[in-house]
Amino acid sequence: MTRAAGAAPLARAVLAALVVASVAAFFYAGVLKRETPLLIWPNPGIDAFAPAGGSTLDRAAHFRLKASVGDVLDVRVLSSAGRLVAVLRSGVRVREYRHILLSWDGRTATGSLAPRGFYELAVHFRHAGRTVVAPGFLMHLEGRVAG
């Protein structure tokens, strides 16, 4: 038996495994699409805010979120690069389909003013063991505004 002839059954087996995995992934994706998301996001994002001063911009970002399940949440602000900037709430218990009001004053975990830029919101569901970055939500920090 030549080397090429011995490889043919292995190639067929690998191809069959890939076809089965692809079909299974297609059906699993359909299941996930029908699943209720953990985070129901009512507001699309905050245009801009400035943490201090007398501007027409808000001095803090105010927003609300709603979870589809009762859980214990950790809510964090992330930079656009995905790095932790601040912890807004930790260990907050929520009931399913109830709103939580939150705000961020533009300060980092160390208390300093975060640099200008765009920030995301990540919500960790402790019991579900999943973290969700709020879909389509960006906070635009304009930087300190002179009073």
Protein backbone atom coordinates (compact mmCIF):
# COMPACT_ATOMS: atom_id res chain seq x y z
CA MET A 1 0.00 0.00 0.00
CA THR A 2 1.43 3.36 -0.95
CA ARG A 3 1.58 6.32 1.36
CA ALA A 4 -1.01 8.27 -0.70
CA ALA A 5 -3.44 5.33 -0.63
CA GLY A 6 -3.15 5.12 3.18
CA ALA A 7 -3.85 8.83 3.60
CA ALA A 8 -7.10 8.74 1.60
CA PRO A 9 -9.23 7.10 4.36
CA LEU A 10 -7.85 9.54 6.91
CA ALA A 11 -8.66 12.49 4.63
CA ARG A 12 -12.22 11.20 4.17
CA ALA A 13 -12.67 10.80 7.92
CA VAL A 14 -11.39 14.34 8.58
CA LEU A 15 -13.67 15.74 5.87
CA ALA A 16 -16.67 13.89 7.32
CA ALA A 17 -15.87 15.23 10.82
CA LEU A 18 -15.64 18.78 9.47
CA VAL A 19 -18.99 18.46 7.67
CA VAL A 20 -20.69 17.13 10.83
CA ALA A 21 -19.14 19.93 12.95
CA SER A 22 -20.26 22.58 10.46
CA VAL A 23 -23.85 21.32 10.41
CA ALA A 24 -23.91 21.16 14.23
CA ALA A 25 -22.53 24.71 14.48
CA PHE A 26 -25.20 25.95 12.08
CA PHE A 27 -28.00 24.51 14.23
CA TYR A 28 -26.41 25.70 17.48
CA ALA A 29 -26.15 29.24 16.07
CA GLY A 30 -29.89 29.11 15.40
CA VAL A 31 -30.53 28.12 19.02
CA LEU A 32 -28.39 31.00 20.27
CA LYS A 33 -30.22 33.50 18.07
CA ARG A 34 -33.54 32.52 19.63
CA GLU A 35 -32.17 32.73 23.18
CA THR A 36 -33.12 35.79 25.22
CA PRO A 37 -30.04 37.97 25.71
CA LEU A 38 -28.82 38.42 29.29
CA LEU A 39 -28.60 42.18 28.88
CA ILE A 40 -31.51 44.11 27.41
CA TRP A 41 -30.13 47.47 26.39
CA PRO A 42 -32.73 50.24 26.21
CA ASN A 43 -30.52 53.20 25.29
CA PRO A 44 -28.16 53.22 22.31
CA GLY A 45 -25.43 55.30 23.91
CA ILE A 46 -24.50 58.63 25.32
CA ASP A 47 -23.44 61.30 22.88
CA ALA A 48 -20.90 63.12 25.02
CA PHE A 49 -20.26 64.19 28.57
CA ALA A 50 -17.67 66.19 30.47
CA PRO A 51 -16.88 65.41 34.12
CA ALA A 52 -16.62 68.97 35.43
CA GLY A 53 -17.34 72.54 34.51
CA GLY A 54 -20.14 74.72 33.21
CA SER A 55 -20.86 73.28 29.81
CA THR A 56 -23.92 72.26 27.91
CA LEU A 57 -22.50 68.74 28.10
CA ASP A 58 -23.62 66.56 30.98
CA ARG A 59 -21.14 66.24 33.84
CA ALA A 60 -21.71 62.50 34.14
CA ALA A 61 -22.99 59.75 31.92
CA HIS A 62 -26.38 58.57 33.18
CA PHE A 63 -27.90 55.41 31.80
CA ARG A 64 -29.96 52.37 32.69
CA LEU A 65 -29.74 48.71 31.92
CA LYS A 66 -32.04 45.76 32.30
CA ALA A 67 -31.12 42.11 32.80
CA SER A 68 -33.36 39.32 31.56
CA VAL A 69 -32.40 37.12 34.52
CA GLY A 70 -32.09 37.62 38.25
CA ASP A 71 -28.38 37.59 39.10
CA VAL A 72 -25.57 39.35 40.89
CA LEU A 73 -23.85 41.84 38.58
CA ASP A 74 -20.52 43.58 38.36
CA VAL A 75 -20.68 46.63 36.08
CA ARG A 76 -17.42 47.98 34.66
CA VAL A 77 -16.31 50.72 32.30
CA LEU A 78 -13.84 49.56 29.65
CA SER A 79 -11.63 51.56 27.33
CA SER A 80 -12.19 51.12 23.60
CA ALA A 81 -9.18 48.74 23.75
CA GLY A 82 -11.03 46.56 26.30
CA ARG A 83 -9.00 47.57 29.37
CA LEU A 84 -10.67 48.07 32.75
CA VAL A 85 -11.10 51.77 33.56
CA ALA A 86 -13.56 51.84 36.47
CA VAL A 87 -15.91 49.64 38.44
CA LEU A 88 -19.34 51.27 38.62
CA ARG A 89 -21.10 48.65 40.73
CA SER A 90 -19.93 45.38 42.20
CA GLY A 91 -22.14 42.67 43.63
CA VAL A 92 -25.42 44.38 42.85
CA ARG A 93 -28.38 42.01 43.01
CA VAL A 94 -30.92 42.44 40.24
CA ARG A 95 -34.30 40.93 39.60
CA GLU A 96 -35.22 39.89 36.11
CA TYR A 97 -36.51 42.60 33.79
CA ARG A 98 -35.94 45.40 36.33
CA HIS A 99 -34.03 48.56 35.43
CA ILE A 100 -30.83 49.57 37.17
CA LEU A 101 -29.88 53.24 37.05
CA LEU A 102 -26.15 53.94 36.72
CA SER A 103 -23.86 56.87 36.17
CA TRP A 104 -20.17 57.40 35.51
CA ASP A 105 -18.38 60.63 36.38
CA GLY A 106 -15.43 60.00 34.07
CA ARG A 107 -13.10 58.91 36.86
CA THR A 108 -10.87 55.82 36.78
CA ALA A 109 -10.62 53.23 39.55
CA THR A 110 -7.76 55.30 41.05
CA GLY A 111 -9.88 58.47 41.11
CA SER A 112 -8.10 60.30 38.32
CA LEU A 113 -9.91 61.67 35.29
CA ALA A 114 -10.00 59.23 32.40
CA PRO A 115 -8.57 60.51 29.12
CA ARG A 116 -10.81 61.78 26.36
CA GLY A 117 -12.23 59.04 24.22
CA PHE A 118 -14.86 56.37 23.86
CA TYR A 119 -15.73 53.89 26.57
CA GLU A 120 -17.82 50.74 26.73
CA LEU A 121 -19.81 49.10 29.47
CA ALA A 122 -19.22 45.47 30.49
CA VAL A 123 -21.65 43.61 32.74
CA HIS A 124 -20.55 40.39 34.42
CA PHE A 125 -23.33 38.00 35.47
CA ARG A 126 -21.87 36.03 38.39
CA HIS A 127 -24.36 33.14 38.50
CA ALA A 128 -24.53 32.79 34.73
CA GLY A 129 -20.73 33.01 34.54
CA ARG A 130 -20.84 35.31 31.53
CA THR A 131 -19.72 38.85 30.74
CA VAL A 132 -21.64 40.93 28.24
CA VAL A 133 -20.35 44.12 26.64
CA ALA A 134 -23.40 46.35 26.15
CA PRO A 135 -24.23 46.07 22.44
CA GLY A 136 -24.09 49.30 20.47
CA PHE A 137 -23.33 51.41 23.54
CA LEU A 138 -20.45 53.90 23.68
CA MET A 139 -19.82 56.69 26.15
CA HIS A 140 -17.94 59.64 24.70
CA LEU A 141 -15.87 61.38 27.36
CA GLU A 142 -15.07 64.88 26.14
CA GLY A 143 -12.55 65.65 28.88
CA ARG A 144 -12.58 68.28 31.57
CA VAL A 145 -14.48 71.43 30.70
CA ALA A 146 -13.40 74.70 32.28
CA GLY A 147 -15.92 76.19 34.71
